[in-house]
């Protein structure tokens, strides 16, 4: 489980080893892969409905999607260990055979895919497109995007819940560029468009998918070349909704980190339950995301993200009126931000 400032540790680690990518992409060239290999990659964006979209894809009889959802095989292992220890521990980056075995049950599926959202988290994760295309030169990609203000705020709450983020929302988002880089969709897309044509990347928005899931799926299935009339049973049932209450670590998180060490786990068996619960109260505090004022964060994000959205519109030759939080203002001139899931 990563902690705040992980991008600074990552930059130092990269400097020590002399480059951003520790896996030589040439290892895929000429390699013999036994069994089906993925030809579709749902590359993000994180906190934009990728789990929901992955499940809709997996429901189609001609589509096979891996479990786990995010094997992260093409990510730099050192970056992955610094950012997402659990994904690193799964070890699908260790060998091509271990990774490809995830798709052994694909059978006659025409579309075989995975959905690792770290694949659009440059610059922390770089050279992903090159590695994927060395592995499968005919690979295609899906990129789902969400109102960037809402996505950035949702990213913060995700890290509060799972990664021990202890800073205030404004402090964290201002000081950690990773939050904002993941929401810079034009930048992330260009990491791929330098290597593949626009026709091989299908883009859509989270808002459009929720507003018209049947219509969006019809177009997506047609692009994939599978039966576009198919309708999943889970259509219109999003998952990974933001919980009403979560625990945020107190202070610098030192006590919470100690509670997750092997030393504490060994000692905890001998500590009375009430004392363990008291330690938990000292280490974390309950927080309701809907009670936290995010207007200052939205005001900070909006100018830069509007410019980035203009770049995105030029790149994709479309506009994004569905991103209401990005464009809306309340009477004080600040963005009115909904609770972001």
C-alpha atoms as a PDB file:
ATOM      1  CA  UNK A   1       0.000   0.000   0.000  1.00  0.00           C
ATOM      2  CA  UNK A   2       1.544   3.275  -1.081  1.00  0.00           C
ATOM      3  CA  UNK A   3       1.688   6.503   0.839  1.00  0.00           C
ATOM      4  CA  UNK A   4       1.718  10.199  -0.102  1.00  0.00           C
ATOM      5  CA  UNK A   5       4.845  11.492  -1.830  1.00  0.00           C
ATOM      6  CA  UNK A   6       5.354   8.124  -3.533  1.00  0.00           C
ATOM      7  CA  UNK A   7       6.099   9.951  -6.811  1.00  0.00           C
ATOM      8  CA  UNK A   8       9.150  11.599  -5.216  1.00  0.00           C
ATOM      9  CA  UNK A   9      10.524   8.237  -4.076  1.00  0.00           C
ATOM     10  CA  UNK A  10       9.823   6.894  -7.535  1.00  0.00           C
ATOM     11  CA  UNK A  11      11.771   9.683  -9.213  1.00  0.00           C
ATOM     12  CA  UNK A  12      14.758   8.974  -6.980  1.00  0.00           C
ATOM     13  CA  UNK A  13      14.535   5.256  -7.743  1.00  0.00           C
ATOM     14  CA  UNK A  14      14.470   5.964 -11.456  1.00  0.00           C
ATOM     15  CA  UNK A  15      17.455   8.250 -11.192  1.00  0.00           C
ATOM     16  CA  UNK A  16      19.436   5.515  -9.414  1.00  0.00           C
ATOM     17  CA  UNK A  17      18.763   2.957 -12.098  1.00  0.00           C
ATOM     18  CA  UNK A  18      19.316   5.396 -14.952  1.00  0.00           C
ATOM     19  CA  UNK A  19      15.957   5.415 -16.764  1.00  0.00           C
ATOM     20  CA  UNK A  20      12.185   5.261 -16.559  1.00  0.00           C
ATOM     21  CA  UNK A  21      11.646   1.729 -17.848  1.00  0.00           C
ATOM     22  CA  UNK A  22      13.306  -1.320 -16.344  1.00  0.00           C
ATOM     23  CA  UNK A  23      11.743  -3.836 -18.751  1.00  0.00           C
ATOM     24  CA  UNK A  24      13.343  -3.925 -22.198  1.00  0.00           C
ATOM     25  CA  UNK A  25      10.436  -3.862 -24.656  1.00  0.00           C
ATOM     26  CA  UNK A  26      12.438  -6.015 -27.062  1.00  0.00           C
ATOM     27  CA  UNK A  27      11.842  -9.048 -24.829  1.00  0.00           C
ATOM     28  CA  UNK A  28       8.457  -9.489 -26.564  1.00  0.00           C
ATOM     29  CA  UNK A  29       9.878  -9.493 -30.073  1.00  0.00           C
ATOM     30  CA  UNK A  30       9.964 -13.011 -31.434  1.00  0.00           C
ATOM     31  CA  UNK A  31       8.728 -14.514 -28.158  1.00  0.00           C
ATOM     32  CA  UNK A  32       6.633 -17.674 -28.397  1.00  0.00           C
ATOM     33  CA  UNK A  33       3.351 -17.291 -26.527  1.00  0.00           C
ATOM     34  CA  UNK A  34       1.355 -20.433 -25.836  1.00  0.00           C
ATOM     35  CA  UNK A  35      -2.399 -19.894 -25.882  1.00  0.00           C
ATOM     36  CA  UNK A  36      -4.546 -16.793 -26.453  1.00  0.00           C
ATOM     37  CA  UNK A  37      -3.047 -13.380 -25.964  1.00  0.00           C
ATOM     38  CA  UNK A  38      -4.982 -10.164 -25.244  1.00  0.00           C
ATOM     39  CA  UNK A  39      -5.849  -7.899 -28.147  1.00  0.00           C
ATOM     40  CA  UNK A  40      -7.878  -5.286 -26.245  1.00  0.00           C
ATOM     41  CA  UNK A  41      -6.728  -3.010 -23.448  1.00  0.00           C
ATOM     42  CA  UNK A  42      -9.093  -0.872 -21.367  1.00  0.00           C
ATOM     43  CA  UNK A  43      -6.419   1.587 -20.281  1.00  0.00           C
ATOM     44  CA  UNK A  44      -8.334   3.926 -17.989  1.00  0.00           C
ATOM     45  CA  UNK A  45      -8.924   6.421 -16.790  1.00  0.00           C
ATOM     46  CA  UNK A  46      -8.824   5.486 -13.133  1.00  0.00           C
ATOM     47  CA  UNK A  47     -12.007   6.448 -11.214  1.00  0.00           C
ATOM     48  CA  UNK A  48     -13.932   6.895 -14.456  1.00  0.00           C
ATOM     49  CA  UNK A  49     -16.109   3.798 -14.428  1.00  0.00           C
ATOM     50  CA  UNK A  50     -13.544   1.312 -15.724  1.00  0.00           C
ATOM     51  CA  UNK A  51     -14.782  -1.477 -13.436  1.00  0.00           C
ATOM     52  CA  UNK A  52     -18.343  -0.976 -14.671  1.00  0.00           C
ATOM     53  CA  UNK A  53     -17.247  -0.896 -18.315  1.00  0.00           C
ATOM     54  CA  UNK A  54     -14.996  -3.905 -17.837  1.00  0.00           C
ATOM     55  CA  UNK A  55     -17.953  -5.899 -16.477  1.00  0.00           C
ATOM     56  CA  UNK A  56     -20.152  -4.845 -19.401  1.00  0.00           C
ATOM     57  CA  UNK A  57     -17.479  -5.998 -21.831  1.00  0.00           C
ATOM     58  CA  UNK A  58     -16.949  -9.288 -19.980  1.00  0.00           C
ATOM     59  CA  UNK A  59     -20.684 -10.055 -20.132  1.00  0.00           C
ATOM     60  CA  UNK A  60     -20.584 -10.292 -23.930  1.00  0.00           C
ATOM     61  CA  UNK A  61     -20.260 -13.928 -25.148  1.00  0.00           C
ATOM     62  CA  UNK A  62     -17.616 -12.946 -27.713  1.00  0.00           C
ATOM     63  CA  UNK A  63     -15.457 -11.020 -25.218  1.00  0.00           C
ATOM     64  CA  UNK A  64     -13.144 -12.407 -22.531  1.00  0.00           C
ATOM     65  CA  UNK A  65     -11.765 -10.066 -19.867  1.00  0.00           C
ATOM     66  CA  UNK A  66      -9.123 -11.121 -17.369  1.00  0.00           C
ATOM     67  CA  UNK A  67      -9.506 -11.610 -13.648  1.00  0.00           C
ATOM     68  CA  UNK A  68      -7.933  -9.882 -11.872  1.00  0.00           C
ATOM     69  CA  UNK A  69      -9.156  -6.837 -13.695  1.00  0.00           C
ATOM     70  CA  UNK A  70      -5.778  -5.087 -13.502  1.00  0.00           C
ATOM     71  CA  UNK A  71      -2.790  -7.425 -13.959  1.00  0.00           C
ATOM     72  CA  UNK A  72      -0.507  -4.451 -14.735  1.00  0.00           C
ATOM     73  CA  UNK A  73       1.902  -6.670 -16.672  1.00  0.00           C
ATOM     74  CA  UNK A  74       3.270  -3.859 -18.848  1.00  0.00           C
ATOM     75  CA  UNK A  75       3.972  -1.490 -15.961  1.00  0.00           C
ATOM     76  CA  UNK A  76       7.488  -0.809 -14.724  1.00  0.00           C
ATOM     77  CA  UNK A  77       7.754  -3.154 -11.696  1.00  0.00           C
ATOM     78  CA  UNK A  78       9.636  -0.621  -9.574  1.00  0.00           C
ATOM     79  CA  UNK A  79       7.020   2.030 -10.273  1.00  0.00           C
ATOM     80  CA  UNK A  80       4.256  -0.479  -9.559  1.00  0.00           C
ATOM     81  CA  UNK A  81       5.799  -1.500  -6.247  1.00  0.00           C
ATOM     82  CA  UNK A  82       6.078   2.140  -5.213  1.00  0.00           C
ATOM     83  CA  UNK A  83       2.538   3.057  -6.233  1.00  0.00           C
ATOM     84  CA  UNK A  84       0.456  -0.107  -5.830  1.00  0.00           C
ATOM     85  CA  UNK A  85       2.054  -2.793  -3.700  1.00  0.00           C
ATOM     86  CA  UNK A  86      -0.859  -5.215  -3.998  1.00  0.00           C
ATOM     87  CA  UNK A  87      -0.710  -5.260  -7.807  1.00  0.00           C
ATOM     88  CA  UNK A  88       3.059  -5.660  -7.662  1.00  0.00           C
ATOM     89  CA  UNK A  89       2.675  -8.617  -5.267  1.00  0.00           C
ATOM     90  CA  UNK A  90       0.390 -10.390  -7.746  1.00  0.00           C
ATOM     91  CA  UNK A  91       3.490 -10.756  -9.871  1.00  0.00           C
ATOM     92  CA  UNK A  92       2.000 -10.710 -13.367  1.00  0.00           C
ATOM     93  CA  UNK A  93       4.890  -8.489 -14.437  1.00  0.00           C
ATOM     94  CA  UNK A  94       7.379 -11.271 -13.689  1.00  0.00           C
ATOM     95  CA  UNK A  95       6.946 -13.270 -16.902  1.00  0.00           C
ATOM     96  CA  UNK A  96       5.011 -13.354 -20.142  1.00  0.00           C
ATOM     97  CA  UNK A  97       3.865 -16.923 -19.438  1.00  0.00           C
ATOM     98  CA  UNK A  98       2.394 -15.986 -16.050  1.00  0.00           C
ATOM     99  CA  UNK A  99       0.555 -13.067 -17.635  1.00  0.00           C
ATOM    100  CA  UNK A 100      -0.744 -14.932 -20.668  1.00  0.00           C
ATOM    101  CA  UNK A 101      -2.043 -17.731 -18.451  1.00  0.00           C
ATOM    102  CA  UNK A 102      -4.730 -15.279 -17.296  1.00  0.00           C
ATOM    103  CA  UNK A 103      -6.316 -15.658 -20.726  1.00  0.00           C
ATOM    104  CA  UNK A 104      -6.064 -19.446 -21.038  1.00  0.00           C
ATOM    105  CA  UNK A 105      -9.839 -19.834 -20.647  1.00  0.00           C
ATOM    106  CA  UNK A 106     -10.664 -17.358 -23.426  1.00  0.00           C
ATOM    107  CA  UNK A 107     -11.628 -20.186 -25.761  1.00  0.00           C
ATOM    108  CA  UNK A 108     -13.039 -18.912 -29.053  1.00  0.00           C
ATOM    109  CA  UNK A 109     -13.587 -15.335 -27.846  1.00  0.00           C
ATOM    110  CA  UNK A 110     -12.891 -12.850 -30.633  1.00  0.00           C
ATOM    111  CA  UNK A 111     -11.938 -10.130 -28.179  1.00  0.00           C
ATOM    112  CA  UNK A 112      -9.559 -10.863 -25.295  1.00  0.00           C
ATOM    113  CA  UNK A 113      -8.761  -8.064 -22.919  1.00  0.00           C
ATOM    114  CA  UNK A 114      -7.664  -6.646 -19.607  1.00  0.00           C
ATOM    115  CA  UNK A 115      -8.256  -3.325 -17.823  1.00  0.00           C
ATOM    116  CA  UNK A 116      -5.161  -2.010 -16.028  1.00  0.00           C
ATOM    117  CA  UNK A 117      -5.708   1.681 -15.319  1.00  0.00           C
ATOM    118  CA  UNK A 118      -2.034   2.315 -14.526  1.00  0.00           C
ATOM    119  CA  UNK A 119      -1.544   2.172 -18.292  1.00  0.00           C
ATOM    120  CA  UNK A 120      -2.700   5.818 -18.476  1.00  0.00           C
ATOM    121  CA  UNK A 121      -0.859   7.211 -15.490  1.00  0.00           C
ATOM    122  CA  UNK A 122       2.141   8.845 -17.139  1.00  0.00           C
ATOM    123  CA  UNK A 123       4.687  10.057 -16.225  1.00  0.00           C
ATOM    124  CA  UNK A 124       4.752   7.727 -13.206  1.00  0.00           C
ATOM    125  CA  UNK A 125       4.170   4.817 -15.603  1.00  0.00           C
ATOM    126  CA  UNK A 126       5.881   5.360 -18.932  1.00  0.00           C
ATOM    127  CA  UNK A 127       6.565   3.407 -22.153  1.00  0.00           C
ATOM    128  CA  UNK A 128       3.411   1.332 -21.675  1.00  0.00           C
ATOM    129  CA  UNK A 129       2.194   1.699 -25.268  1.00  0.00           C
ATOM    130  CA  UNK A 130       5.518   0.525 -26.681  1.00  0.00           C
ATOM    131  CA  UNK A 131       5.532  -2.595 -24.529  1.00  0.00           C
ATOM    132  CA  UNK A 132       1.942  -3.500 -25.378  1.00  0.00           C
ATOM    133  CA  UNK A 133       2.544  -3.061 -29.097  1.00  0.00           C
ATOM    134  CA  UNK A 134       5.746  -5.092 -28.978  1.00  0.00           C
ATOM    135  CA  UNK A 135       3.689  -7.827 -27.319  1.00  0.00           C
ATOM    136  CA  UNK A 136       0.745  -7.528 -29.729  1.00  0.00           C
ATOM    137  CA  UNK A 137       1.194  -5.153 -32.692  1.00  0.00           C
ATOM    138  CA  UNK A 138      -2.527  -5.370 -33.522  1.00  0.00           C
ATOM    139  CA  UNK A 139      -3.697  -4.307 -30.044  1.00  0.00           C
ATOM    140  CA  UNK A 140      -6.641  -1.938 -29.708  1.00  0.00           C
ATOM    141  CA  UNK A 141      -7.467   0.349 -26.797  1.00  0.00           C
ATOM    142  CA  UNK A 142     -10.483   1.763 -24.958  1.00  0.00           C
ATOM    143  CA  UNK A 143     -10.171   4.953 -22.920  1.00  0.00           C
ATOM    144  CA  UNK A 144     -13.079   6.159 -20.772  1.00  0.00           C
ATOM    145  CA  UNK A 145     -12.870   9.665 -19.318  1.00  0.00           C
ATOM    146  CA  UNK A 146     -14.781  11.510 -16.620  1.00  0.00           C
ATOM    147  CA  UNK A 147     -15.271  15.158 -15.709  1.00  0.00           C
ATOM    148  CA  UNK A 148     -11.650  15.890 -14.708  1.00  0.00           C
ATOM    149  CA  UNK A 149     -12.572  17.836 -11.576  1.00  0.00           C
ATOM    150  CA  UNK A 150     -14.758  15.009 -10.323  1.00  0.00           C
ATOM    151  CA  UNK A 151     -12.205  12.370 -11.308  1.00  0.00           C
ATOM    152  CA  UNK A 152      -9.399  14.157  -9.447  1.00  0.00           C
ATOM    153  CA  UNK A 153     -11.495  14.500  -6.290  1.00  0.00           C
ATOM    154  CA  UNK A 154     -12.583  10.850  -6.534  1.00  0.00           C
ATOM    155  CA  UNK A 155      -8.920   9.870  -6.917  1.00  0.00           C
ATOM    156  CA  UNK A 156      -8.175  11.671  -3.659  1.00  0.00           C
ATOM    157  CA  UNK A 157     -10.914   9.787  -1.797  1.00  0.00           C
ATOM    158  CA  UNK A 158      -9.698   6.515  -3.270  1.00  0.00           C
ATOM    159  CA  UNK A 159      -6.275   7.160  -1.828  1.00  0.00           C
ATOM    160  CA  UNK A 160      -7.754   8.183   1.519  1.00  0.00           C
ATOM    161  CA  UNK A 161      -9.620   4.908   1.657  1.00  0.00           C
ATOM    162  CA  UNK A 162      -6.926   2.540   0.408  1.00  0.00           C
ATOM    163  CA  UNK A 163      -3.522   4.243   0.310  1.00  0.00           C
ATOM    164  CA  UNK A 164      -3.270   6.077   3.625  1.00  0.00           C
ATOM    165  CA  UNK A 165      -3.656   9.601   2.247  1.00  0.00           C
ATOM    166  CA  UNK A 166      -3.643  11.788   5.367  1.00  0.00           C
ATOM    167  CA  UNK A 167      -3.336  15.276   3.892  1.00  0.00           C
ATOM    168  CA  UNK A 168      -6.248  17.637   3.338  1.00  0.00           C
ATOM    169  CA  UNK A 169      -7.762  17.462  -0.134  1.00  0.00           C
ATOM    170  CA  UNK A 170      -6.408  20.827  -1.287  1.00  0.00           C
ATOM    171  CA  UNK A 171      -2.939  20.213   0.111  1.00  0.00           C
ATOM    172  CA  UNK A 172      -2.704  16.763  -1.457  1.00  0.00           C
ATOM    173  CA  UNK A 173      -3.953  17.767  -4.911  1.00  0.00           C
ATOM    174  CA  UNK A 174      -1.847  20.917  -5.064  1.00  0.00           C
ATOM    175  CA  UNK A 175       1.370  19.210  -3.955  1.00  0.00           C
ATOM    176  CA  UNK A 176       1.095  15.831  -5.689  1.00  0.00           C
ATOM    177  CA  UNK A 177       1.117  16.202  -9.510  1.00  0.00           C
ATOM    178  CA  UNK A 178       0.029  12.586  -9.980  1.00  0.00           C
ATOM    179  CA  UNK A 179      -3.576  13.487  -9.099  1.00  0.00           C
ATOM    180  CA  UNK A 180      -3.683  16.080 -11.862  1.00  0.00           C
ATOM    181  CA  UNK A 181      -1.638  14.194 -14.460  1.00  0.00           C
ATOM    182  CA  UNK A 182      -4.104  11.294 -14.529  1.00  0.00           C
ATOM    183  CA  UNK A 183      -6.878  13.798 -15.339  1.00  0.00           C
ATOM    184  CA  UNK A 184      -4.882  15.318 -18.219  1.00  0.00           C
ATOM    185  CA  UNK A 185      -6.528  13.118 -20.811  1.00  0.00           C
ATOM    186  CA  UNK A 186      -4.910  14.660 -23.890  1.00  0.00           C
ATOM    187  CA  UNK A 187      -1.478  14.057 -22.389  1.00  0.00           C
ATOM    188  CA  UNK A 188      -2.307  10.448 -21.551  1.00  0.00           C
ATOM    189  CA  UNK A 189      -3.806   9.780 -24.992  1.00  0.00           C
ATOM    190  CA  UNK A 190      -0.799  11.225 -26.770  1.00  0.00           C
ATOM    191  CA  UNK A 191       1.348   8.584 -25.085  1.00  0.00           C
ATOM    192  CA  UNK A 192      -0.515   6.124 -27.341  1.00  0.00           C
ATOM    193  CA  UNK A 193      -1.185   8.247 -30.410  1.00  0.00           C
ATOM    194  CA  UNK A 194       2.539   8.550 -30.977  1.00  0.00           C
ATOM    195  CA  UNK A 195       2.483   4.829 -31.774  1.00  0.00           C
ATOM    196  CA  UNK A 196      -0.974   3.931 -33.119  1.00  0.00           C
ATOM    197  CA  UNK A 197      -3.600   5.528 -35.312  1.00  0.00           C
ATOM    198  CA  UNK A 198      -6.622   7.245 -33.831  1.00  0.00           C
ATOM    199  CA  UNK A 199      -8.882   4.509 -35.225  1.00  0.00           C
ATOM    200  CA  UNK A 200      -7.368   1.986 -32.807  1.00  0.00           C
ATOM    201  CA  UNK A 201      -8.383   3.922 -29.694  1.00  0.00           C
ATOM    202  CA  UNK A 202     -12.059   4.058 -28.754  1.00  0.00           C
ATOM    203  CA  UNK A 203     -12.897   6.947 -26.449  1.00  0.00           C
ATOM    204  CA  UNK A 204     -16.045   7.633 -24.462  1.00  0.00           C
ATOM    205  CA  UNK A 205     -17.054   9.435 -21.298  1.00  0.00           C
ATOM    206  CA  UNK A 206     -18.276   8.059 -18.010  1.00  0.00           C
ATOM    207  CA  UNK A 207     -21.195  10.492 -18.073  1.00  0.00           C
ATOM    208  CA  UNK A 208     -22.352   9.349 -21.524  1.00  0.00           C
ATOM    209  CA  UNK A 209     -22.108   5.706 -20.478  1.00  0.00           C
ATOM    210  CA  UNK A 210     -24.313   6.311 -17.433  1.00  0.00           C
ATOM    211  CA  UNK A 211     -26.793   8.426 -19.376  1.00  0.00           C
ATOM    212  CA  UNK A 212     -27.251   5.968 -22.250  1.00  0.00           C
ATOM    213  CA  UNK A 213     -25.571   2.633 -21.496  1.00  0.00           C
ATOM    214  CA  UNK A 214     -27.425   0.748 -24.226  1.00  0.00           C
ATOM    215  CA  UNK A 215     -26.543   3.251 -26.941  1.00  0.00           C
ATOM    216  CA  UNK A 216     -22.934   3.519 -25.839  1.00  0.00           C
ATOM    217  CA  UNK A 217     -22.529  -0.251 -25.731  1.00  0.00           C
ATOM    218  CA  UNK A 218     -24.101  -0.671 -29.178  1.00  0.00           C
ATOM    219  CA  UNK A 219     -21.446   1.615 -30.660  1.00  0.00           C
ATOM    220  CA  UNK A 220     -18.632   0.053 -28.660  1.00  0.00           C
ATOM    221  CA  UNK A 221     -19.600  -3.518 -29.514  1.00  0.00           C
ATOM    222  CA  UNK A 222     -19.836  -2.553 -33.201  1.00  0.00           C
ATOM    223  CA  UNK A 223     -16.344  -1.049 -33.049  1.00  0.00           C
ATOM    224  CA  UNK A 224     -15.091  -4.290 -31.521  1.00  0.00           C
ATOM    225  CA  UNK A 225     -16.716  -6.295 -34.301  1.00  0.00           C
ATOM    226  CA  UNK A 226     -18.997  -8.349 -32.033  1.00  0.00           C
ATOM    227  CA  UNK A 227     -22.797  -8.655 -31.896  1.00  0.00           C
ATOM    228  CA  UNK A 228     -23.917  -5.086 -31.189  1.00  0.00           C
ATOM    229  CA  UNK A 229     -27.455  -6.127 -30.245  1.00  0.00           C
ATOM    230  CA  UNK A 230     -26.344  -7.983 -27.118  1.00  0.00           C
ATOM    231  CA  UNK A 231     -27.516  -6.474 -23.818  1.00  0.00           C
ATOM    232  CA  UNK A 232     -25.801  -7.452 -20.537  1.00  0.00           C
ATOM    233  CA  UNK A 233     -27.950  -8.204 -17.507  1.00  0.00           C
ATOM    234  CA  UNK A 234     -25.877  -5.776 -15.428  1.00  0.00           C
ATOM    235  CA  UNK A 235     -26.607  -2.870 -17.770  1.00  0.00           C
ATOM    236  CA  UNK A 236     -27.136   0.305 -15.766  1.00  0.00           C
ATOM    237  CA  UNK A 237     -25.716  -1.062 -12.503  1.00  0.00           C
ATOM    238  CA  UNK A 238     -22.443   0.811 -11.784  1.00  0.00           C
ATOM    239  CA  UNK A 239     -20.082  -0.501  -9.137  1.00  0.00           C
ATOM    240  CA  UNK A 240     -17.326   0.970  -6.944  1.00  0.00           C
ATOM    241  CA  UNK A 241     -19.610   3.730  -5.664  1.00  0.00           C
ATOM    242  CA  UNK A 242     -18.038   6.095  -3.147  1.00  0.00           C
ATOM    243  CA  UNK A 243     -18.953   4.944   0.403  1.00  0.00           C
ATOM    244  CA  UNK A 244     -20.779   7.316   2.679  1.00  0.00           C
ATOM    245  CA  UNK A 245     -18.169   7.026   5.450  1.00  0.00           C
ATOM    246  CA  UNK A 246     -14.518   5.978   5.322  1.00  0.00           C
ATOM    247  CA  UNK A 247     -11.547   5.973   7.662  1.00  0.00           C
ATOM    248  CA  UNK A 248      -8.756   8.515   7.140  1.00  0.00           C
ATOM    249  CA  UNK A 249      -5.446   8.162   8.941  1.00  0.00           C
ATOM    250  CA  UNK A 250      -4.644  10.733  11.580  1.00  0.00           C
ATOM    251  CA  UNK A 251      -1.549  12.922  11.661  1.00  0.00           C
ATOM    252  CA  UNK A 252       1.301  11.635   9.508  1.00  0.00           C
ATOM    253  CA  UNK A 253      -0.080   8.128   9.554  1.00  0.00           C
ATOM    254  CA  UNK A 254       2.776   6.660  11.617  1.00  0.00           C
ATOM    255  CA  UNK A 255       0.525   4.777  14.031  1.00  0.00           C
ATOM    256  CA  UNK A 256      -1.603   3.443  11.185  1.00  0.00           C
ATOM    257  CA  UNK A 257       1.491   2.179   9.349  1.00  0.00           C
ATOM    258  CA  UNK A 258       2.671   0.453  12.531  1.00  0.00           C
ATOM    259  CA  UNK A 259      -0.721  -1.293  12.781  1.00  0.00           C
ATOM    260  CA  UNK A 260      -0.037  -2.931   9.407  1.00  0.00           C
ATOM    261  CA  UNK A 261       3.458  -4.217  10.199  1.00  0.00           C
ATOM    262  CA  UNK A 262       4.302  -7.847  10.924  1.00  0.00           C
ATOM    263  CA  UNK A 263       5.463  -6.833  14.401  1.00  0.00           C
ATOM    264  CA  UNK A 264       2.073  -5.379  15.314  1.00  0.00           C
ATOM    265  CA  UNK A 265       0.169  -8.305  13.797  1.00  0.00           C
ATOM    266  CA  UNK A 266       2.167 -10.687  15.957  1.00  0.00           C
ATOM    267  CA  UNK A 267       1.628  -8.588  19.074  1.00  0.00           C
ATOM    268  CA  UNK A 268      -2.068  -7.923  18.390  1.00  0.00           C
ATOM    269  CA  UNK A 269      -2.997 -11.513  19.196  1.00  0.00           C
ATOM    270  CA  UNK A 270      -2.009 -10.846  22.790  1.00  0.00           C
ATOM    271  CA  UNK A 271      -3.604  -7.378  23.089  1.00  0.00           C
ATOM    272  CA  UNK A 272      -7.140  -7.142  24.566  1.00  0.00           C
ATOM    273  CA  UNK A 273      -9.860  -6.201  22.086  1.00  0.00           C
ATOM    274  CA  UNK A 274     -10.791  -2.885  23.770  1.00  0.00           C
ATOM    275  CA  UNK A 275      -7.159  -1.765  23.634  1.00  0.00           C
ATOM    276  CA  UNK A 276      -6.900  -2.686  19.953  1.00  0.00           C
ATOM    277  CA  UNK A 277     -10.062  -0.705  19.237  1.00  0.00           C
ATOM    278  CA  UNK A 278      -8.661   2.275  21.138  1.00  0.00           C
ATOM    279  CA  UNK A 279      -5.509   2.068  19.028  1.00  0.00           C
ATOM    280  CA  UNK A 280      -7.669   2.089  15.923  1.00  0.00           C
ATOM    281  CA  UNK A 281      -9.417   5.256  17.118  1.00  0.00           C
ATOM    282  CA  UNK A 282      -6.019   6.909  17.678  1.00  0.00           C
ATOM    283  CA  UNK A 283      -4.787   5.855  14.233  1.00  0.00           C
ATOM    284  CA  UNK A 284      -7.781   6.780  12.072  1.00  0.00           C
ATOM    285  CA  UNK A 285     -10.856   8.974  12.086  1.00  0.00           C
ATOM    286  CA  UNK A 286     -14.180   8.576  10.260  1.00  0.00           C
ATOM    287  CA  UNK A 287     -14.824  11.070   7.475  1.00  0.00           C
ATOM    288  CA  UNK A 288     -17.869  11.664   5.274  1.00  0.00           C
ATOM    289  CA  UNK A 289     -16.786  12.796   1.798  1.00  0.00           C
ATOM    290  CA  UNK A 290     -20.069  14.637   1.270  1.00  0.00           C
ATOM    291  CA  UNK A 291     -19.348  16.772   4.371  1.00  0.00           C
ATOM    292  CA  UNK A 292     -15.978  17.961   3.040  1.00  0.00           C
ATOM    293  CA  UNK A 293     -16.071  21.264   1.147  1.00  0.00           C
ATOM    294  CA  UNK A 294     -14.285  20.743  -2.170  1.00  0.00           C
ATOM    295  CA  UNK A 295     -15.017  24.173  -3.679  1.00  0.00           C
ATOM    296  CA  UNK A 296     -11.455  25.447  -3.123  1.00  0.00           C
ATOM    297  CA  UNK A 297     -10.083  22.340  -4.811  1.00  0.00           C
ATOM    298  CA  UNK A 298     -12.427  22.803  -7.748  1.00  0.00           C
ATOM    299  CA  UNK A 299     -11.447  26.457  -8.049  1.00  0.00           C
ATOM    300  CA  UNK A 300      -7.784  25.422  -8.121  1.00  0.00           C
ATOM    301  CA  UNK A 301      -8.337  22.692 -10.721  1.00  0.00           C
ATOM    302  CA  UNK A 302     -10.794  24.368 -13.038  1.00  0.00           C
ATOM    303  CA  UNK A 303      -8.552  26.859 -14.931  1.00  0.00           C
ATOM    304  CA  UNK A 304      -5.875  24.301 -15.819  1.00  0.00           C
ATOM    305  CA  UNK A 305      -8.324  21.504 -16.541  1.00  0.00           C
ATOM    306  CA  UNK A 306     -10.429  23.695 -18.823  1.00  0.00           C
ATOM    307  CA  UNK A 307      -7.319  24.394 -20.889  1.00  0.00           C
ATOM    308  CA  UNK A 308      -6.469  20.684 -20.918  1.00  0.00           C
ATOM    309  CA  UNK A 309     -10.012  19.879 -22.014  1.00  0.00           C
ATOM    310  CA  UNK A 310      -9.650  22.311 -24.902  1.00  0.00           C
ATOM    311  CA  UNK A 311      -6.535  20.383 -25.942  1.00  0.00           C
ATOM    312  CA  UNK A 312      -8.493  17.165 -25.647  1.00  0.00           C
ATOM    313  CA  UNK A 313     -11.324  18.577 -27.746  1.00  0.00           C
ATOM    314  CA  UNK A 314      -8.873  19.547 -30.475  1.00  0.00           C
ATOM    315  CA  UNK A 315      -7.301  16.105 -30.349  1.00  0.00           C
ATOM    316  CA  UNK A 316     -10.600  14.202 -30.532  1.00  0.00           C
ATOM    317  CA  UNK A 317     -12.530  16.799 -32.558  1.00  0.00           C
ATOM    318  CA  UNK A 318     -15.417  16.970 -30.098  1.00  0.00           C
ATOM    319  CA  UNK A 319     -16.594  18.926 -27.058  1.00  0.00           C
ATOM    320  CA  UNK A 320     -17.520  17.741 -23.575  1.00  0.00           C
ATOM    321  CA  UNK A 321     -20.695  19.525 -22.424  1.00  0.00           C
ATOM    322  CA  UNK A 322     -21.489  16.572 -20.149  1.00  0.00           C
ATOM    323  CA  UNK A 323     -18.663  17.640 -17.830  1.00  0.00           C
ATOM    324  CA  UNK A 324     -20.910  19.953 -15.848  1.00  0.00           C
ATOM    325  CA  UNK A 325     -18.689  20.272 -12.789  1.00  0.00           C
ATOM    326  CA  UNK A 326     -15.790  21.459 -14.923  1.00  0.00           C
ATOM    327  CA  UNK A 327     -17.899  24.214 -16.488  1.00  0.00           C
ATOM    328  CA  UNK A 328     -20.469  25.099 -13.793  1.00  0.00           C
ATOM    329  CA  UNK A 329     -20.156  28.019 -11.419  1.00  0.00           C
ATOM    330  CA  UNK A 330     -22.136  28.867  -8.326  1.00  0.00           C
ATOM    331  CA  UNK A 331     -22.949  32.402  -7.212  1.00  0.00           C
ATOM    332  CA  UNK A 332     -19.514  32.902  -5.647  1.00  0.00           C
ATOM    333  CA  UNK A 333     -17.749  31.940  -8.869  1.00  0.00           C
ATOM    334  CA  UNK A 334     -16.504  28.635  -7.545  1.00  0.00           C
ATOM    335  CA  UNK A 335     -17.261  25.304  -9.092  1.00  0.00           C
ATOM    336  CA  UNK A 336     -20.077  23.414  -7.440  1.00  0.00           C
ATOM    337  CA  UNK A 337     -18.716  19.918  -6.970  1.00  0.00           C
ATOM    338  CA  UNK A 338     -20.945  16.907  -6.487  1.00  0.00           C
ATOM    339  CA  UNK A 339     -19.904  13.980  -4.340  1.00  0.00           C
ATOM    340  CA  UNK A 340     -17.499  12.088  -6.601  1.00  0.00           C
ATOM    341  CA  UNK A 341     -17.606   8.321  -6.558  1.00  0.00           C
END
